[in-house]
PDB file of N, CA and C in Angstrom:
ATOM      1  N   UNK A   1       0.844  -1.304  -0.016  1.00  0.00           N
ATOM      2  CA  UNK A   1       0.022  -0.047  -0.068  1.00  0.00           C
ATOM      3  C   UNK A   1       1.017   1.223  -0.098  1.00  0.00           C
ATOM      4  N   UNK A   2       0.485   2.168  -0.897  1.00  0.00           N
ATOM      5  CA  UNK A   2       1.287   3.402  -0.905  1.00  0.00           C
ATOM      6  C   UNK A   2       1.047   4.269   0.352  1.00  0.00           C
ATOM      7  N   UNK A   3       2.177   5.063   0.561  1.00  0.00           N
ATOM      8  CA  UNK A   3       2.099   6.055   1.791  1.00  0.00           C
ATOM      9  C   UNK A   3       1.288   7.258   1.368  1.00  0.00           C
ATOM     10  N   UNK A   4       0.383   7.677   2.245  1.00  0.00           N
ATOM     11  CA  UNK A   4      -0.385   8.841   1.867  1.00  0.00           C
ATOM     12  C   UNK A   4      -0.276   9.841   3.133  1.00  0.00           C
ATOM     13  N   UNK A   5       0.115  11.156   2.818  1.00  0.00           N
ATOM     14  CA  UNK A   5       0.268  12.120   3.834  1.00  0.00           C
ATOM     15  C   UNK A   5      -0.972  13.042   3.740  1.00  0.00           C
ATOM     16  N   UNK A   6      -1.355  13.641   4.781  1.00  0.00           N
ATOM     17  CA  UNK A   6      -2.584  14.364   4.971  1.00  0.00           C
ATOM     18  C   UNK A   6      -2.532  15.660   5.843  1.00  0.00           C
ATOM     19  N   UNK A   7      -2.918  16.661   5.531  1.00  0.00           N
ATOM     20  CA  UNK A   7      -3.033  17.846   6.337  1.00  0.00           C
ATOM     21  C   UNK A   7      -4.400  18.528   6.176  1.00  0.00           C
ATOM     22  N   UNK A   8      -4.848  19.177   7.192  1.00  0.00           N
ATOM     23  CA  UNK A   8      -6.036  19.827   7.183  1.00  0.00           C
ATOM     24  C   UNK A   8      -6.108  21.167   7.694  1.00  0.00           C
ATOM     25  N   UNK A   9      -6.810  22.258   6.828  1.00  0.00           N
ATOM     26  CA  UNK A   9      -6.691  23.657   7.246  1.00  0.00           C
ATOM     27  C   UNK A   9      -8.243  23.906   7.524  1.00  0.00           C
ATOM     28  N   UNK A  10      -8.468  24.495   8.743  1.00  0.00           N
ATOM     29  CA  UNK A  10      -9.843  24.803   8.976  1.00  0.00           C
ATOM     30  C   UNK A  10      -9.975  26.492   9.096  1.00  0.00           C
ATOM     31  N   UNK A  11     -11.166  26.984   8.664  1.00  0.00           N
ATOM     32  CA  UNK A  11     -11.240  28.299   8.536  1.00  0.00           C
ATOM     33  C   UNK A  11     -12.811  28.725   9.154  1.00  0.00           C
ATOM     34  N   UNK A  12     -13.095  29.698   9.693  1.00  0.00           N
ATOM     35  CA  UNK A  12     -14.411  30.169   9.963  1.00  0.00           C
ATOM     36  C   UNK A  12     -14.581  31.728   9.826  1.00  0.00           C
ATOM     37  N   UNK A  13     -15.640  31.961   9.192  1.00  0.00           N
ATOM     38  CA  UNK A  13     -15.625  33.425   8.858  1.00  0.00           C
ATOM     39  C   UNK A  13     -17.147  33.656   8.228  1.00  0.00           C
ATOM     40  N   UNK A  14     -17.364  34.838   7.494  1.00  0.00           N
ATOM     41  CA  UNK A  14     -18.531  35.221   6.813  1.00  0.00           C
ATOM     42  C   UNK A  14     -18.566  34.446   5.491  1.00  0.00           C
ATOM     43  N   UNK A  15     -19.840  34.318   4.929  1.00  0.00           N
ATOM     44  CA  UNK A  15     -20.023  33.404   3.740  1.00  0.00           C
ATOM     45  C   UNK A  15     -19.337  33.918   2.590  1.00  0.00           C
ATOM     46  N   UNK A  16     -19.440  35.295   2.435  1.00  0.00           N
ATOM     47  CA  UNK A  16     -18.683  35.922   1.186  1.00  0.00           C
ATOM     48  C   UNK A  16     -17.315  35.267   1.094  1.00  0.00           C
ATOM     49  N   UNK A  17     -16.626  35.365   2.121  1.00  0.00           N
ATOM     50  CA  UNK A  17     -15.088  34.941   2.010  1.00  0.00           C
ATOM     51  C   UNK A  17     -15.107  33.550   2.000  1.00  0.00           C
ATOM     52  N   UNK A  18     -15.935  32.707   2.618  1.00  0.00           N
ATOM     53  CA  UNK A  18     -16.138  31.260   2.589  1.00  0.00           C
ATOM     54  C   UNK A  18     -16.151  30.891   1.204  1.00  0.00           C
ATOM     55  N   UNK A  19     -16.967  31.682   0.339  1.00  0.00           N
ATOM     56  CA  UNK A  19     -17.153  31.215  -1.117  1.00  0.00           C
ATOM     57  C   UNK A  19     -15.810  31.351  -1.761  1.00  0.00           C
ATOM     58  N   UNK A  20     -14.948  32.238  -1.514  1.00  0.00           N
ATOM     59  CA  UNK A  20     -13.718  32.363  -1.998  1.00  0.00           C
ATOM     60  C   UNK A  20     -12.717  31.307  -1.763  1.00  0.00           C
ATOM     61  N   UNK A  21     -12.734  31.050  -0.358  1.00  0.00           N
ATOM     62  CA  UNK A  21     -11.868  30.047   0.212  1.00  0.00           C
ATOM     63  C   UNK A  21     -12.226  28.556  -0.446  1.00  0.00           C
ATOM     64  N   UNK A  22     -13.553  28.312  -0.758  1.00  0.00           N
ATOM     65  CA  UNK A  22     -14.000  27.139  -1.369  1.00  0.00           C
ATOM     66  C   UNK A  22     -13.546  27.050  -2.829  1.00  0.00           C
ATOM     67  N   UNK A  23     -13.579  28.074  -3.469  1.00  0.00           N
ATOM     68  CA  UNK A  23     -13.052  28.103  -4.713  1.00  0.00           C
ATOM     69  C   UNK A  23     -11.693  28.033  -4.804  1.00  0.00           C
ATOM     70  N   UNK A  24     -10.929  28.501  -4.071  1.00  0.00           N
ATOM     71  CA  UNK A  24      -9.381  28.383  -4.143  1.00  0.00           C
ATOM     72  C   UNK A  24      -9.089  26.863  -3.645  1.00  0.00           C
ATOM     73  N   UNK A  25     -10.006  26.181  -2.887  1.00  0.00           N
ATOM     74  CA  UNK A  25      -9.686  24.742  -2.543  1.00  0.00           C
ATOM     75  C   UNK A  25     -10.087  23.855  -3.555  1.00  0.00           C
ATOM     76  N   UNK A  26     -10.848  24.281  -4.452  1.00  0.00           N
ATOM     77  CA  UNK A  26     -11.309  23.419  -5.596  1.00  0.00           C
ATOM     78  C   UNK A  26     -10.288  22.853  -6.467  1.00  0.00           C
ATOM     79  N   UNK A  27      -9.351  22.124  -6.075  1.00  0.00           N
ATOM     80  CA  UNK A  27      -8.278  21.718  -6.965  1.00  0.00           C
ATOM     81  C   UNK A  27      -7.802  20.201  -6.530  1.00  0.00           C
ATOM     82  N   UNK A  28      -6.815  19.657  -7.410  1.00  0.00           N
ATOM     83  CA  UNK A  28      -6.462  18.359  -7.118  1.00  0.00           C
ATOM     84  C   UNK A  28      -5.920  18.154  -5.808  1.00  0.00           C
ATOM     85  N   UNK A  29      -6.125  17.070  -5.190  1.00  0.00           N
ATOM     86  CA  UNK A  29      -5.534  16.594  -3.850  1.00  0.00           C
ATOM     87  C   UNK A  29      -6.212  17.139  -2.810  1.00  0.00           C
ATOM     88  N   UNK A  30      -7.431  18.089  -2.968  1.00  0.00           N
ATOM     89  CA  UNK A  30      -7.989  18.856  -2.082  1.00  0.00           C
ATOM     90  C   UNK A  30      -9.429  18.333  -1.874  1.00  0.00           C
ATOM     91  N   UNK A  31      -9.993  18.314  -0.738  1.00  0.00           N
ATOM     92  CA  UNK A  31     -11.415  17.953  -0.371  1.00  0.00           C
ATOM     93  C   UNK A  31     -11.817  18.989   0.514  1.00  0.00           C
ATOM     94  N   UNK A  32     -13.098  19.504   0.442  1.00  0.00           N
ATOM     95  CA  UNK A  32     -13.452  20.508   1.469  1.00  0.00           C
ATOM     96  C   UNK A  32     -14.785  20.250   1.972  1.00  0.00           C
ATOM     97  N   UNK A  33     -15.138  20.642   3.227  1.00  0.00           N
ATOM     98  CA  UNK A  33     -16.430  20.381   3.881  1.00  0.00           C
ATOM     99  C   UNK A  33     -16.649  21.740   4.433  1.00  0.00           C
ATOM    100  N   UNK A  34     -18.081  22.102   4.206  1.00  0.00           N
ATOM    101  CA  UNK A  34     -18.569  23.345   4.857  1.00  0.00           C
ATOM    102  C   UNK A  34     -19.712  23.099   5.680  1.00  0.00           C
ATOM    103  N   UNK A  35     -19.954  23.964   6.643  1.00  0.00           N
ATOM    104  CA  UNK A  35     -21.078  23.998   7.421  1.00  0.00           C
ATOM    105  C   UNK A  35     -21.250  25.318   8.028  1.00  0.00           C
ATOM    106  N   UNK A  36     -22.586  25.792   8.003  1.00  0.00           N
ATOM    107  CA  UNK A  36     -22.972  27.060   8.507  1.00  0.00           C
ATOM    108  C   UNK A  36     -23.364  26.894  10.167  1.00  0.00           C
ATOM    109  N   UNK A  37     -22.801  27.840  10.851  1.00  0.00           N
ATOM    110  CA  UNK A  37     -22.850  27.625  12.335  1.00  0.00           C
ATOM    111  C   UNK A  37     -23.250  29.042  12.809  1.00  0.00           C
ATOM    112  N   UNK A  38     -24.190  29.441  13.455  1.00  0.00           N
ATOM    113  CA  UNK A  38     -24.572  30.848  14.120  1.00  0.00           C
ATOM    114  C   UNK A  38     -24.190  31.850  13.009  1.00  0.00           C
ATOM    115  N   UNK A  39     -24.477  31.892  11.849  1.00  0.00           N
ATOM    116  CA  UNK A  39     -24.179  32.935  10.942  1.00  0.00           C
ATOM    117  C   UNK A  39     -23.008  33.040  10.392  1.00  0.00           C
ATOM    118  N   UNK A  40     -22.067  32.043  10.803  1.00  0.00           N
ATOM    119  CA  UNK A  40     -20.752  31.905  10.149  1.00  0.00           C
ATOM    120  C   UNK A  40     -20.573  30.690   9.419  1.00  0.00           C
ATOM    121  N   UNK A  41     -19.767  30.817   8.474  1.00  0.00           N
ATOM    122  CA  UNK A  41     -19.439  29.626   7.734  1.00  0.00           C
ATOM    123  C   UNK A  41     -18.021  28.777   8.386  1.00  0.00           C
ATOM    124  N   UNK A  42     -18.256  27.569   8.495  1.00  0.00           N
ATOM    125  CA  UNK A  42     -16.943  26.783   8.886  1.00  0.00           C
ATOM    126  C   UNK A  42     -16.525  26.060   7.502  1.00  0.00           C
ATOM    127  N   UNK A  43     -15.243  26.039   7.305  1.00  0.00           N
ATOM    128  CA  UNK A  43     -14.746  25.330   5.929  1.00  0.00           C
ATOM    129  C   UNK A  43     -13.514  24.580   6.489  1.00  0.00           C
ATOM    130  N   UNK A  44     -13.287  23.459   6.032  1.00  0.00           N
ATOM    131  CA  UNK A  44     -12.227  22.277   6.557  1.00  0.00           C
ATOM    132  C   UNK A  44     -11.936  21.911   5.160  1.00  0.00           C
ATOM    133  N   UNK A  45     -10.634  22.079   4.851  1.00  0.00           N
ATOM    134  CA  UNK A  45     -10.076  21.590   3.533  1.00  0.00           C
ATOM    135  C   UNK A  45      -8.777  20.585   3.947  1.00  0.00           C
ATOM    136  N   UNK A  46      -9.141  19.445   3.373  1.00  0.00           N
ATOM    137  CA  UNK A  46      -8.059  18.331   3.704  1.00  0.00           C
ATOM    138  C   UNK A  46      -7.392  18.008   2.442  1.00  0.00           C
ATOM    139  N   UNK A  47      -6.097  18.220   2.532  1.00  0.00           N
ATOM    140  CA  UNK A  47      -4.981  17.938   1.318  1.00  0.00           C
ATOM    141  C   UNK A  47      -4.417  16.484   1.639  1.00  0.00           C
ATOM    142  N   UNK A  48      -4.539  15.603   0.542  1.00  0.00           N
ATOM    143  CA  UNK A  48      -3.727  14.436   0.563  1.00  0.00           C
ATOM    144  C   UNK A  48      -2.789  14.224  -0.537  1.00  0.00           C
ATOM    145  N   UNK A  49      -1.663  13.586  -0.196  1.00  0.00           N
ATOM    146  CA  UNK A  49      -0.778  13.426  -1.374  1.00  0.00           C
ATOM    147  C   UNK A  49       0.032  12.290  -0.908  1.00  0.00           C
ATOM    148  N   UNK A  50       0.791  11.653  -1.920  1.00  0.00           N
ATOM    149  CA  UNK A  50       1.653  10.508  -1.583  1.00  0.00           C
ATOM    150  C   UNK A  50       3.005  11.082  -1.342  1.00  0.00           C
ATOM    151  N   UNK A  51       3.268  12.137  -2.024  1.00  0.00           N
ATOM    152  CA  UNK A  51       4.565  12.944  -1.783  1.00  0.00           C
ATOM    153  C   UNK A  51       4.487  13.877  -0.813  1.00  0.00           C
ATOM    154  N   UNK A  52       5.303  13.885   0.280  1.00  0.00           N
ATOM    155  CA  UNK A  52       5.359  14.974   1.294  1.00  0.00           C
ATOM    156  C   UNK A  52       5.497  16.238   1.102  1.00  0.00           C
ATOM    157  N   UNK A  53       6.640  16.468   0.124  1.00  0.00           N
ATOM    158  CA  UNK A  53       7.016  17.723  -0.232  1.00  0.00           C
ATOM    159  C   UNK A  53       5.976  18.456  -1.164  1.00  0.00           C
ATOM    160  N   UNK A  54       5.210  17.559  -2.078  1.00  0.00           N
ATOM    161  CA  UNK A  54       4.204  18.093  -2.796  1.00  0.00           C
ATOM    162  C   UNK A  54       2.929  18.638  -1.988  1.00  0.00           C
ATOM    163  N   UNK A  55       2.611  17.847  -0.895  1.00  0.00           N
ATOM    164  CA  UNK A  55       1.548  18.029   0.016  1.00  0.00           C
ATOM    165  C   UNK A  55       2.095  19.575   0.817  1.00  0.00           C
ATOM    166  N   UNK A  56       3.212  19.710   1.188  1.00  0.00           N
ATOM    167  CA  UNK A  56       3.603  20.807   1.769  1.00  0.00           C
ATOM    168  C   UNK A  56       3.452  22.037   0.720  1.00  0.00           C
ATOM    169  N   UNK A  57       4.031  21.740  -0.473  1.00  0.00           N
ATOM    170  CA  UNK A  57       3.655  22.893  -1.532  1.00  0.00           C
ATOM    171  C   UNK A  57       2.334  23.354  -1.823  1.00  0.00           C
ATOM    172  N   UNK A  58       1.309  22.429  -1.778  1.00  0.00           N
ATOM    173  CA  UNK A  58      -0.110  22.646  -1.851  1.00  0.00           C
ATOM    174  C   UNK A  58      -0.538  23.332  -0.727  1.00  0.00           C
ATOM    175  N   UNK A  59      -0.342  22.919   0.464  1.00  0.00           N
ATOM    176  CA  UNK A  59      -0.703  23.425   1.622  1.00  0.00           C
ATOM    177  C   UNK A  59      -0.254  24.941   1.746  1.00  0.00           C
ATOM    178  N   UNK A  60       1.011  25.033   1.499  1.00  0.00           N
ATOM    179  CA  UNK A  60       1.601  26.470   1.524  1.00  0.00           C
ATOM    180  C   UNK A  60       0.966  27.536   0.526  1.00  0.00           C
ATOM    181  N   UNK A  61       0.778  26.972  -0.514  1.00  0.00           N
ATOM    182  CA  UNK A  61       0.006  27.754  -1.605  1.00  0.00           C
ATOM    183  C   UNK A  61      -1.545  28.204  -1.112  1.00  0.00           C
ATOM    184  N   UNK A  62      -2.037  27.219  -0.687  1.00  0.00           N
ATOM    185  CA  UNK A  62      -3.367  27.460  -0.076  1.00  0.00           C
ATOM    186  C   UNK A  62      -3.398  28.509   0.983  1.00  0.00           C
ATOM    187  N   UNK A  63      -2.381  28.282   2.015  1.00  0.00           N
ATOM    188  CA  UNK A  63      -2.314  29.522   3.046  1.00  0.00           C
ATOM    189  C   UNK A  63      -1.954  30.690   2.544  1.00  0.00           C
ATOM    190  N   UNK A  64      -1.221  30.904   1.637  1.00  0.00           N
ATOM    191  CA  UNK A  64      -0.975  32.273   0.925  1.00  0.00           C
ATOM    192  C   UNK A  64      -2.332  32.763   0.326  1.00  0.00           C
ATOM    193  N   UNK A  65      -2.949  31.721  -0.566  1.00  0.00           N
ATOM    194  CA  UNK A  65      -4.262  32.269  -1.056  1.00  0.00           C
ATOM    195  C   UNK A  65      -5.255  32.594  -0.096  1.00  0.00           C
ATOM    196  N   UNK A  66      -5.530  31.923   0.929  1.00  0.00           N
ATOM    197  CA  UNK A  66      -6.293  32.152   1.951  1.00  0.00           C
ATOM    198  C   UNK A  66      -6.066  33.552   2.835  1.00  0.00           C
ATOM    199  N   UNK A  67      -4.813  33.835   2.948  1.00  0.00           N
ATOM    200  CA  UNK A  67      -4.399  34.959   3.418  1.00  0.00           C
ATOM    201  C   UNK A  67      -4.709  36.119   2.622  1.00  0.00           C
ATOM    202  N   UNK A  68      -4.549  36.051   1.222  1.00  0.00           N
ATOM    203  CA  UNK A  68      -4.806  37.133   0.239  1.00  0.00           C
ATOM    204  C   UNK A  68      -6.391  37.418   0.299  1.00  0.00           C
ATOM    205  N   UNK A  69      -7.123  36.233   0.335  1.00  0.00           N
ATOM    206  CA  UNK A  69      -8.610  36.508   0.297  1.00  0.00           C
ATOM    207  C   UNK A  69      -9.063  37.149   1.528  1.00  0.00           C
ATOM    208  N   UNK A  70      -8.424  36.903   2.838  1.00  0.00           N
ATOM    209  CA  UNK A  70      -8.991  37.553   3.891  1.00  0.00           C
ATOM    210  C   UNK A  70      -8.535  38.994   3.945  1.00  0.00           C
ATOM    211  N   UNK A  71      -7.360  39.396   3.491  1.00  0.00           N
ATOM    212  CA  UNK A  71      -6.731  40.669   3.499  1.00  0.00           C
ATOM    213  C   UNK A  71      -7.498  41.483   2.410  1.00  0.00           C
ATOM    214  N   UNK A  72      -8.074  40.871   1.455  1.00  0.00           N
ATOM    215  CA  UNK A  72      -8.945  41.501   0.478  1.00  0.00           C
ATOM    216  C   UNK A  72     -10.478  41.638   0.729  1.00  0.00           C
ATOM    217  N   UNK A  73     -10.993  40.856   1.817  1.00  0.00           N
ATOM    218  CA  UNK A  73     -12.277  40.835   2.140  1.00  0.00           C
ATOM    219  C   UNK A  73     -12.533  41.838   3.231  1.00  0.00           C
TER     220      UNK A  73
END
Protein backbone atom coordinates (compact mmCIF):
# COMPACT_ATOMS: atom_id res chain seq x y z
CA UNK A 1 0.00 0.00 0.00
CA UNK A 2 1.26 3.46 -0.91
CA UNK A 3 2.00 5.97 1.80
CA UNK A 4 -0.39 8.93 1.95
CA UNK A 5 0.24 12.18 3.79
CA UNK A 6 -2.61 14.41 4.92
CA UNK A 7 -3.02 17.95 6.25
CA UNK A 8 -6.16 19.80 7.25
CA UNK A 9 -6.75 23.56 7.22
CA UNK A 10 -9.82 24.88 9.03
CA UNK A 11 -11.30 28.33 8.64
CA UNK A 12 -14.34 30.15 10.06
CA UNK A 13 -15.82 33.45 8.88
CA UNK A 14 -18.47 35.17 6.79
CA UNK A 15 -20.09 33.42 3.85
CA UNK A 16 -18.77 35.84 1.20
CA UNK A 17 -15.17 35.03 2.10
CA UNK A 18 -16.05 31.34 2.58
CA UNK A 19 -17.13 31.15 -1.07
CA UNK A 20 -13.70 32.42 -2.14
CA UNK A 21 -11.96 29.98 0.23
CA UNK A 22 -13.98 27.12 -1.26
CA UNK A 23 -13.18 28.25 -4.80
CA UNK A 24 -9.44 28.35 -3.99
CA UNK A 25 -9.70 24.86 -2.46
CA UNK A 26 -11.32 23.33 -5.52
CA UNK A 27 -8.17 21.73 -6.94
CA UNK A 28 -6.52 18.32 -7.22
CA UNK A 29 -5.61 16.57 -3.95
CA UNK A 30 -8.01 18.79 -1.97
CA UNK A 31 -11.40 18.01 -0.48
CA UNK A 32 -13.46 20.50 1.45
CA UNK A 33 -16.35 20.37 3.86
CA UNK A 34 -18.56 23.32 4.80
CA UNK A 35 -21.06 23.93 7.54
CA UNK A 36 -22.96 27.00 8.63
CA UNK A 37 -22.93 27.70 12.36
CA UNK A 38 -24.49 30.72 14.09
CA UNK A 39 -24.38 32.88 10.96
CA UNK A 40 -20.78 31.98 10.17
CA UNK A 41 -19.37 29.47 7.71
CA UNK A 42 -16.96 26.77 8.79
CA UNK A 43 -14.68 25.41 6.05
CA UNK A 44 -12.38 22.42 6.51
CA UNK A 45 -9.95 21.64 3.68
CA UNK A 46 -8.13 18.31 3.66
CA UNK A 47 -5.11 17.88 1.39
CA UNK A 48 -3.79 14.39 0.63
CA UNK A 49 -0.73 13.45 -1.40
CA UNK A 50 1.65 10.52 -1.60
CA UNK A 51 4.65 12.89 -1.77
CA UNK A 52 5.27 14.88 1.41
CA UNK A 53 6.99 17.78 -0.37
CA UNK A 54 4.11 18.08 -2.85
CA UNK A 55 1.67 18.12 0.07
CA UNK A 56 3.66 20.91 1.73
CA UNK A 57 3.73 22.90 -1.51
CA UNK A 58 -0.05 22.61 -1.93
CA UNK A 59 -0.71 23.57 1.71
CA UNK A 60 1.70 26.52 1.53
CA UNK A 61 0.03 27.79 -1.64
CA UNK A 62 -3.44 27.44 -0.07
CA UNK A 63 -2.37 29.34 3.05
CA UNK A 64 -1.02 32.17 0.90
CA UNK A 65 -4.27 32.27 -1.11
CA UNK A 66 -6.40 32.21 2.04
CA UNK A 67 -4.40 35.10 3.55
CA UNK A 68 -4.80 37.13 0.35
CA UNK A 69 -8.55 36.43 0.35
CA UNK A 70 -8.90 37.53 3.97
CA UNK A 71 -6.84 40.69 3.40
CA UNK A 72 -8.92 41.60 0.36
CA UNK A 73 -12.21 40.80 2.10
